[in-house]
All heavy atoms as atom14 arrays in JSON, in Angstrom:
{
  "sequence": "EVQLQASGGGLVQPRGSLRLSCAAYGFSLNNYDMS",
  "atom14_mask": [
    [1, 1, 1, 1, 1, 1, 1, 1, 1, 0, 0, 0, 0, 0],
    [1, 1, 1, 1, 1, 1, 1, 0, 0, 0, 0, 0, 0, 0],
    [1, 1, 1, 1, 1, 1, 1, 1, 1, 0, 0, 0, 0, 0],
    [1, 1, 1, 1, 1, 1, 1, 1, 0, 0, 0, 0, 0, 0],
    [1, 1, 1, 1, 1, 1, 1, 1, 1, 0, 0, 0, 0, 0],
    [1, 1, 1, 1, 1, 0, 0, 0, 0, 0, 0, 0, 0, 0],
    [1, 1, 1, 1, 1, 1, 0, 0, 0, 0, 0, 0, 0, 0],
    [1, 1, 1, 1, 0, 0, 0, 0, 0, 0, 0, 0, 0, 0],
    [1, 1, 1, 1, 0, 0, 0, 0, 0, 0, 0, 0, 0, 0],
    [1, 1, 1, 1, 0, 0, 0, 0, 0, 0, 0, 0, 0, 0],
    [1, 1, 1, 1, 1, 1, 1, 1, 0, 0, 0, 0, 0, 0],
    [1, 1, 1, 1, 1, 1, 1, 0, 0, 0, 0, 0, 0, 0],
    [1, 1, 1, 1, 1, 1, 1, 1, 1, 0, 0, 0, 0, 0],
    [1, 1, 1, 1, 1, 1, 1, 0, 0, 0, 0, 0, 0, 0],
    [1, 1, 1, 1, 1, 1, 1, 1, 1, 1, 1, 0, 0, 0],
    [1, 1, 1, 1, 0, 0, 0, 0, 0, 0, 0, 0, 0, 0],
    [1, 1, 1, 1, 1, 1, 0, 0, 0, 0, 0, 0, 0, 0],
    [1, 1, 1, 1, 1, 1, 1, 1, 0, 0, 0, 0, 0, 0],
    [1, 1, 1, 1, 1, 1, 1, 1, 1, 1, 1, 0, 0, 0],
    [1, 1, 1, 1, 1, 1, 1, 1, 0, 0, 0, 0, 0, 0],
    [1, 1, 1, 1, 1, 1, 0, 0, 0, 0, 0, 0, 0, 0],
    [1, 1, 1, 1, 1, 1, 0, 0, 0, 0, 0, 0, 0, 0],
    [1, 1, 1, 1, 1, 0, 0, 0, 0, 0, 0, 0, 0, 0],
    [1, 1, 1, 1, 1, 0, 0, 0, 0, 0, 0, 0, 0, 0],
    [1, 1, 1, 1, 1, 1, 1, 1, 1, 1, 1, 1, 0, 0],
    [1, 1, 1, 1, 0, 0, 0, 0, 0, 0, 0, 0, 0, 0],
    [1, 1, 1, 1, 1, 1, 1, 1, 1, 1, 1, 0, 0, 0],
    [1, 1, 1, 1, 1, 1, 0, 0, 0, 0, 0, 0, 0, 0],
    [1, 1, 1, 1, 1, 1, 1, 1, 0, 0, 0, 0, 0, 0],
    [1, 1, 1, 1, 1, 1, 1, 1, 0, 0, 0, 0, 0, 0],
    [1, 1, 1, 1, 1, 1, 1, 1, 0, 0, 0, 0, 0, 0],
    [1, 1, 1, 1, 1, 1, 1, 1, 1, 1, 1, 1, 0, 0],
    [1, 1, 1, 1, 1, 1, 1, 1, 0, 0, 0, 0, 0, 0],
    [1, 1, 1, 1, 1, 1, 1, 1, 0, 0, 0, 0, 0, 0],
    [1, 1, 1, 1, 1, 1, 0, 0, 0, 0, 0, 0, 0, 0]
  ],
  "atom14_positions": [
    [[151.44, 140.7, 102.12], [150.53, 140.27, 103.14], [149.1, 139.98, 102.57], [148.6, 140.79, 101.76], [150.43, 141.22, 104.26], [149.6, 140.85, 105.44], [149.54, 141.8, 106.61], [150.35, 142.79, 106.53], [148.73, 141.67, 107.45], [0.0, 0.0, 0.0], [0.0, 0.0, 0.0], [0.0, 0.0, 0.0], [0.0, 0.0, 0.0], [0.0, 0.0, 0.0]],
    [[148.54, 138.9, 102.91], [147.2, 138.48, 102.43], [146.25, 139.21, 103.31], [146.04, 138.91, 104.55], [147.08, 137.02, 102.49], [145.58, 136.65, 102.06], [148.06, 136.33, 101.53], [0.0, 0.0, 0.0], [0.0, 0.0, 0.0], [0.0, 0.0, 0.0], [0.0, 0.0, 0.0], [0.0, 0.0, 0.0], [0.0, 0.0, 0.0], [0.0, 0.0, 0.0]],
    [[145.5, 140.01, 102.7], [144.43, 140.75, 103.47], [143.32, 141.42, 102.56], [143.56, 141.49, 101.37], [145.08, 141.95, 104.31], [145.83, 142.92, 103.46], [146.42, 144.04, 104.35], [145.78, 144.62, 105.19], [147.69, 144.3, 104.11], [0.0, 0.0, 0.0], [0.0, 0.0, 0.0], [0.0, 0.0, 0.0], [0.0, 0.0, 0.0], [0.0, 0.0, 0.0]],
    [[142.25, 141.81, 103.18], [141.27, 142.6, 102.56], [141.14, 143.88, 103.32], [141.15, 143.96, 104.58], [139.94, 141.79, 102.63], [139.88, 140.55, 101.75], [138.61, 139.74, 102.11], [139.83, 140.88, 100.27], [0.0, 0.0, 0.0], [0.0, 0.0, 0.0], [0.0, 0.0, 0.0], [0.0, 0.0, 0.0], [0.0, 0.0, 0.0], [0.0, 0.0, 0.0]],
    [[140.88, 144.97, 102.63], [140.69, 146.26, 103.25], [139.52, 147.0, 102.64], [139.44, 147.23, 101.49], [141.98, 147.15, 103.04], [143.23, 146.63, 103.77], [144.36, 147.51, 103.69], [144.43, 148.42, 102.83], [145.32, 147.42, 104.56], [0.0, 0.0, 0.0], [0.0, 0.0, 0.0], [0.0, 0.0, 0.0], [0.0, 0.0, 0.0], [0.0, 0.0, 0.0]],
    [[138.57, 147.33, 103.5], [137.4, 148.02, 103.08], [137.54, 149.51, 103.31], [138.25, 149.95, 104.29], [136.17, 147.54, 103.85], [0.0, 0.0, 0.0], [0.0, 0.0, 0.0], [0.0, 0.0, 0.0], [0.0, 0.0, 0.0], [0.0, 0.0, 0.0], [0.0, 0.0, 0.0], [0.0, 0.0, 0.0], [0.0, 0.0, 0.0], [0.0, 0.0, 0.0]],
    [[137.02, 150.32, 102.41], [137.1, 151.81, 102.58], [135.82, 152.37, 101.88], [135.03, 151.81, 101.32], [138.37, 152.27, 101.88], [138.28, 151.94, 100.44], [0.0, 0.0, 0.0], [0.0, 0.0, 0.0], [0.0, 0.0, 0.0], [0.0, 0.0, 0.0], [0.0, 0.0, 0.0], [0.0, 0.0, 0.0], [0.0, 0.0, 0.0], [0.0, 0.0, 0.0]],
    [[135.69, 153.68, 102.17], [134.61, 154.41, 101.56], [133.47, 154.76, 102.49], [132.53, 155.53, 102.08], [0.0, 0.0, 0.0], [0.0, 0.0, 0.0], [0.0, 0.0, 0.0], [0.0, 0.0, 0.0], [0.0, 0.0, 0.0], [0.0, 0.0, 0.0], [0.0, 0.0, 0.0], [0.0, 0.0, 0.0], [0.0, 0.0, 0.0], [0.0, 0.0, 0.0]],
    [[133.58, 154.33, 103.74], [132.5, 154.71, 104.7], [132.65, 156.09, 105.08], [133.54, 156.87, 104.76], [0.0, 0.0, 0.0], [0.0, 0.0, 0.0], [0.0, 0.0, 0.0], [0.0, 0.0, 0.0], [0.0, 0.0, 0.0], [0.0, 0.0, 0.0], [0.0, 0.0, 0.0], [0.0, 0.0, 0.0], [0.0, 0.0, 0.0], [0.0, 0.0, 0.0]],
    [[131.65, 156.53, 105.87], [131.61, 157.86, 106.35], [130.12, 158.22, 106.78], [129.33, 157.48, 106.91], [0.0, 0.0, 0.0], [0.0, 0.0, 0.0], [0.0, 0.0, 0.0], [0.0, 0.0, 0.0], [0.0, 0.0, 0.0], [0.0, 0.0, 0.0], [0.0, 0.0, 0.0], [0.0, 0.0, 0.0], [0.0, 0.0, 0.0], [0.0, 0.0, 0.0]],
    [[129.94, 159.6, 106.89], [128.68, 160.13, 107.33], [127.88, 160.48, 106.12], [128.39, 161.18, 105.25], [128.87, 161.29, 108.18], [127.6, 162.02, 108.72], [126.77, 161.09, 109.54], [127.91, 163.27, 109.43], [0.0, 0.0, 0.0], [0.0, 0.0, 0.0], [0.0, 0.0, 0.0], [0.0, 0.0, 0.0], [0.0, 0.0, 0.0], [0.0, 0.0, 0.0]],
    [[126.65, 159.93, 106.1], [125.78, 160.21, 104.87], [124.36, 160.47, 105.42], [123.98, 159.88, 106.48], [125.81, 159.02, 103.83], [125.24, 157.75, 104.57], [125.04, 159.32, 102.65], [0.0, 0.0, 0.0], [0.0, 0.0, 0.0], [0.0, 0.0, 0.0], [0.0, 0.0, 0.0], [0.0, 0.0, 0.0], [0.0, 0.0, 0.0], [0.0, 0.0, 0.0]],
    [[123.66, 161.41, 104.82], [122.37, 161.69, 105.16], [121.37, 160.59, 104.79], [121.62, 159.92, 103.85], [121.92, 163.05, 104.58], [122.77, 164.26, 105.09], [122.09, 165.51, 104.56], [120.93, 165.7, 104.41], [123.05, 166.46, 104.36], [0.0, 0.0, 0.0], [0.0, 0.0, 0.0], [0.0, 0.0, 0.0], [0.0, 0.0, 0.0], [0.0, 0.0, 0.0]],
    [[120.22, 160.49, 105.5], [119.16, 159.54, 105.03], [118.82, 159.87, 103.66], [118.73, 161.04, 103.17], [118.01, 159.83, 106.07], [118.75, 160.35, 107.28], [119.92, 161.16, 106.8], [0.0, 0.0, 0.0], [0.0, 0.0, 0.0], [0.0, 0.0, 0.0], [0.0, 0.0, 0.0], [0.0, 0.0, 0.0], [0.0, 0.0, 0.0], [0.0, 0.0, 0.0]],
    [[118.49, 158.86, 102.89], [118.11, 158.86, 101.36], [119.33, 159.05, 100.57], [119.25, 159.0, 99.39], [117.1, 159.91, 101.11], [115.75, 159.72, 101.96], [114.82, 160.87, 101.7], [115.48, 162.16, 102.02], [115.61, 162.65, 103.3], [115.1, 161.93, 104.28], [116.11, 163.78, 103.44], [0.0, 0.0, 0.0], [0.0, 0.0, 0.0], [0.0, 0.0, 0.0]],
    [[120.47, 159.21, 101.15], [121.74, 159.39, 100.37], [122.29, 158.13, 99.9], [121.76, 157.06, 100.14], [0.0, 0.0, 0.0], [0.0, 0.0, 0.0], [0.0, 0.0, 0.0], [0.0, 0.0, 0.0], [0.0, 0.0, 0.0], [0.0, 0.0, 0.0], [0.0, 0.0, 0.0], [0.0, 0.0, 0.0], [0.0, 0.0, 0.0], [0.0, 0.0, 0.0]],
    [[123.45, 158.17, 99.16], [124.16, 157.09, 98.54], [125.57, 157.0, 98.9], [126.15, 158.05, 99.25], [124.01, 157.15, 97.05], [122.58, 157.08, 96.63], [0.0, 0.0, 0.0], [0.0, 0.0, 0.0], [0.0, 0.0, 0.0], [0.0, 0.0, 0.0], [0.0, 0.0, 0.0], [0.0, 0.0, 0.0], [0.0, 0.0, 0.0], [0.0, 0.0, 0.0]],
    [[126.08, 155.84, 98.87], [127.48, 155.69, 99.2], [128.04, 154.43, 98.47], [127.28, 153.56, 98.26], [127.68, 155.5, 100.78], [129.01, 155.86, 101.35], [129.36, 157.34, 101.12], [128.93, 155.52, 102.81], [0.0, 0.0, 0.0], [0.0, 0.0, 0.0], [0.0, 0.0, 0.0], [0.0, 0.0, 0.0], [0.0, 0.0, 0.0], [0.0, 0.0, 0.0]],
    [[129.35, 154.48, 98.11], [129.84, 153.35, 97.45], [131.11, 152.88, 98.31], [132.08, 153.73, 98.55], [130.41, 153.62, 96.07], [130.91, 152.35, 95.32], [131.38, 152.61, 93.98], [132.72, 153.27, 93.86], [133.44, 153.31, 92.79], [133.04, 152.62, 91.73], [134.58, 153.9, 92.85], [0.0, 0.0, 0.0], [0.0, 0.0, 0.0], [0.0, 0.0, 0.0]],
    [[131.11, 151.68, 98.71], [132.16, 151.13, 99.5], [133.02, 150.27, 98.56], [132.66, 149.7, 97.54], [131.65, 150.16, 100.62], [130.63, 150.84, 101.61], [130.27, 149.72, 102.63], [131.18, 152.18, 102.23], [0.0, 0.0, 0.0], [0.0, 0.0, 0.0], [0.0, 0.0, 0.0], [0.0, 0.0, 0.0], [0.0, 0.0, 0.0], [0.0, 0.0, 0.0]],
    [[134.39, 150.27, 98.94], [135.31, 149.46, 98.16], [135.97, 148.45, 99.04], [136.25, 148.72, 100.21], [136.31, 150.39, 97.47], [135.81, 151.18, 96.55], [0.0, 0.0, 0.0], [0.0, 0.0, 0.0], [0.0, 0.0, 0.0], [0.0, 0.0, 0.0], [0.0, 0.0, 0.0], [0.0, 0.0, 0.0], [0.0, 0.0, 0.0], [0.0, 0.0, 0.0]],
    [[136.38, 147.3, 98.48], [137.18, 146.31, 99.18], [138.24, 145.93, 98.27], [138.08, 145.5, 97.21], [136.21, 145.07, 99.46], [137.1, 143.71, 100.21], [0.0, 0.0, 0.0], [0.0, 0.0, 0.0], [0.0, 0.0, 0.0], [0.0, 0.0, 0.0], [0.0, 0.0, 0.0], [0.0, 0.0, 0.0], [0.0, 0.0, 0.0], [0.0, 0.0, 0.0]],
    [[139.49, 146.13, 98.72], [140.66, 145.88, 98.01], [141.36, 144.61, 98.56], [141.54, 144.51, 99.73], [141.64, 147.02, 98.0], [0.0, 0.0, 0.0], [0.0, 0.0, 0.0], [0.0, 0.0, 0.0], [0.0, 0.0, 0.0], [0.0, 0.0, 0.0], [0.0, 0.0, 0.0], [0.0, 0.0, 0.0], [0.0, 0.0, 0.0], [0.0, 0.0, 0.0]],
    [[141.77, 143.78, 97.65], [142.48, 142.51, 98.03], [143.95, 142.7, 97.76], [144.39, 143.18, 96.8], [141.97, 141.33, 97.17], [0.0, 0.0, 0.0], [0.0, 0.0, 0.0], [0.0, 0.0, 0.0], [0.0, 0.0, 0.0], [0.0, 0.0, 0.0], [0.0, 0.0, 0.0], [0.0, 0.0, 0.0], [0.0, 0.0, 0.0], [0.0, 0.0, 0.0]],
    [[144.72, 142.15, 98.72], [146.18, 142.17, 98.72], [146.72, 140.85, 98.88], [146.28, 140.11, 99.81], [146.7, 143.2, 99.73], [146.28, 144.64, 99.53], [145.12, 145.1, 100.13], [147.04, 145.47, 98.7], [144.71, 146.41, 99.93], [146.64, 146.8, 98.53], [145.48, 147.3, 99.18], [145.03, 148.56, 98.99], [0.0, 0.0, 0.0], [0.0, 0.0, 0.0]],
    [[147.76, 140.48, 98.09], [148.5, 139.24, 98.41], [147.83, 137.99, 97.85], [148.36, 136.88, 97.95], [0.0, 0.0, 0.0], [0.0, 0.0, 0.0], [0.0, 0.0, 0.0], [0.0, 0.0, 0.0], [0.0, 0.0, 0.0], [0.0, 0.0, 0.0], [0.0, 0.0, 0.0], [0.0, 0.0, 0.0], [0.0, 0.0, 0.0], [0.0, 0.0, 0.0]],
    [[146.71, 138.14, 97.1], [146.13, 136.94, 96.4], [145.21, 137.43, 95.26], [144.88, 138.63, 95.14], [145.3, 136.18, 97.44], [144.08, 136.87, 98.0], [142.79, 136.54, 97.43], [144.1, 137.76, 99.01], [141.72, 137.19, 97.88], [143.07, 138.39, 99.42], [141.79, 138.13, 98.86], [0.0, 0.0, 0.0], [0.0, 0.0, 0.0], [0.0, 0.0, 0.0]],
    [[144.84, 136.49, 94.5], [143.92, 136.76, 93.35], [142.58, 136.57, 93.74], [142.21, 135.57, 94.48], [144.31, 135.86, 92.17], [143.36, 136.01, 91.15], [0.0, 0.0, 0.0], [0.0, 0.0, 0.0], [0.0, 0.0, 0.0], [0.0, 0.0, 0.0], [0.0, 0.0, 0.0], [0.0, 0.0, 0.0], [0.0, 0.0, 0.0], [0.0, 0.0, 0.0]],
    [[141.56, 137.32, 93.2], [140.18, 137.23, 93.52], [139.54, 136.15, 92.59], [138.33, 135.84, 92.81], [139.51, 138.55, 93.26], [139.63, 139.63, 94.37], [138.93, 140.86, 93.91], [139.18, 139.12, 95.7], [0.0, 0.0, 0.0], [0.0, 0.0, 0.0], [0.0, 0.0, 0.0], [0.0, 0.0, 0.0], [0.0, 0.0, 0.0], [0.0, 0.0, 0.0]],
    [[140.24, 135.72, 91.61], [139.61, 134.88, 90.61], [138.93, 133.65, 91.08], [137.89, 133.19, 90.43], [140.66, 134.49, 89.59], [141.21, 135.62, 88.73], [140.62, 136.63, 88.73], [142.28, 135.34, 88.08], [0.0, 0.0, 0.0], [0.0, 0.0, 0.0], [0.0, 0.0, 0.0], [0.0, 0.0, 0.0], [0.0, 0.0, 0.0], [0.0, 0.0, 0.0]],
    [[139.29, 133.03, 92.25], [138.77, 131.8, 92.66], [137.93, 131.96, 93.97], [137.77, 131.03, 94.65], [139.9, 130.77, 92.84], [140.58, 130.43, 91.53], [141.73, 130.69, 91.39], [139.83, 129.9, 90.67], [0.0, 0.0, 0.0], [0.0, 0.0, 0.0], [0.0, 0.0, 0.0], [0.0, 0.0, 0.0], [0.0, 0.0, 0.0], [0.0, 0.0, 0.0]],
    [[137.51, 133.22, 94.17], [136.84, 133.4, 95.37], [135.51, 134.09, 95.25], [135.43, 135.11, 94.48], [137.65, 134.35, 96.44], [138.87, 133.65, 96.9], [140.14, 133.82, 96.26], [138.84, 132.71, 98.02], [141.16, 133.1, 96.8], [139.93, 132.04, 98.46], [141.17, 132.22, 97.87], [142.25, 131.61, 98.29], [0.0, 0.0, 0.0], [0.0, 0.0, 0.0]],
    [[134.46, 133.59, 95.77], [133.26, 134.31, 96.07], [133.51, 135.4, 97.15], [134.38, 135.17, 97.9], [132.18, 133.36, 96.48], [131.86, 132.23, 95.56], [132.15, 132.28, 94.31], [131.41, 131.13, 96.08], [0.0, 0.0, 0.0], [0.0, 0.0, 0.0], [0.0, 0.0, 0.0], [0.0, 0.0, 0.0], [0.0, 0.0, 0.0], [0.0, 0.0, 0.0]],
    [[132.69, 136.44, 97.06], [132.92, 137.58, 97.93], [131.54, 137.91, 98.53], [130.55, 137.9, 97.84], [133.55, 138.77, 97.29], [134.92, 138.41, 96.78], [136.17, 138.11, 98.08], [136.27, 139.73, 98.79], [0.0, 0.0, 0.0], [0.0, 0.0, 0.0], [0.0, 0.0, 0.0], [0.0, 0.0, 0.0], [0.0, 0.0, 0.0], [0.0, 0.0, 0.0]],
    [[131.59, 138.33, 99.85], [130.38, 138.95, 100.43], [130.74, 140.22, 101.21], [131.84, 140.4, 101.6], [129.72, 137.87, 101.4], [128.85, 137.05, 100.71], [0.0, 0.0, 0.0], [0.0, 0.0, 0.0], [0.0, 0.0, 0.0], [0.0, 0.0, 0.0], [0.0, 0.0, 0.0], [0.0, 0.0, 0.0], [0.0, 0.0, 0.0], [0.0, 0.0, 0.0]]
  ]
}
């Protein structure tokens, strides 16, 4: 299935840091800009 799935969110304190991930399924990222 062609889809994008974001993960990594949650509760974080002010001034804190977090890293989000976006995984692609069913297609190649090579020819796509991403936002």
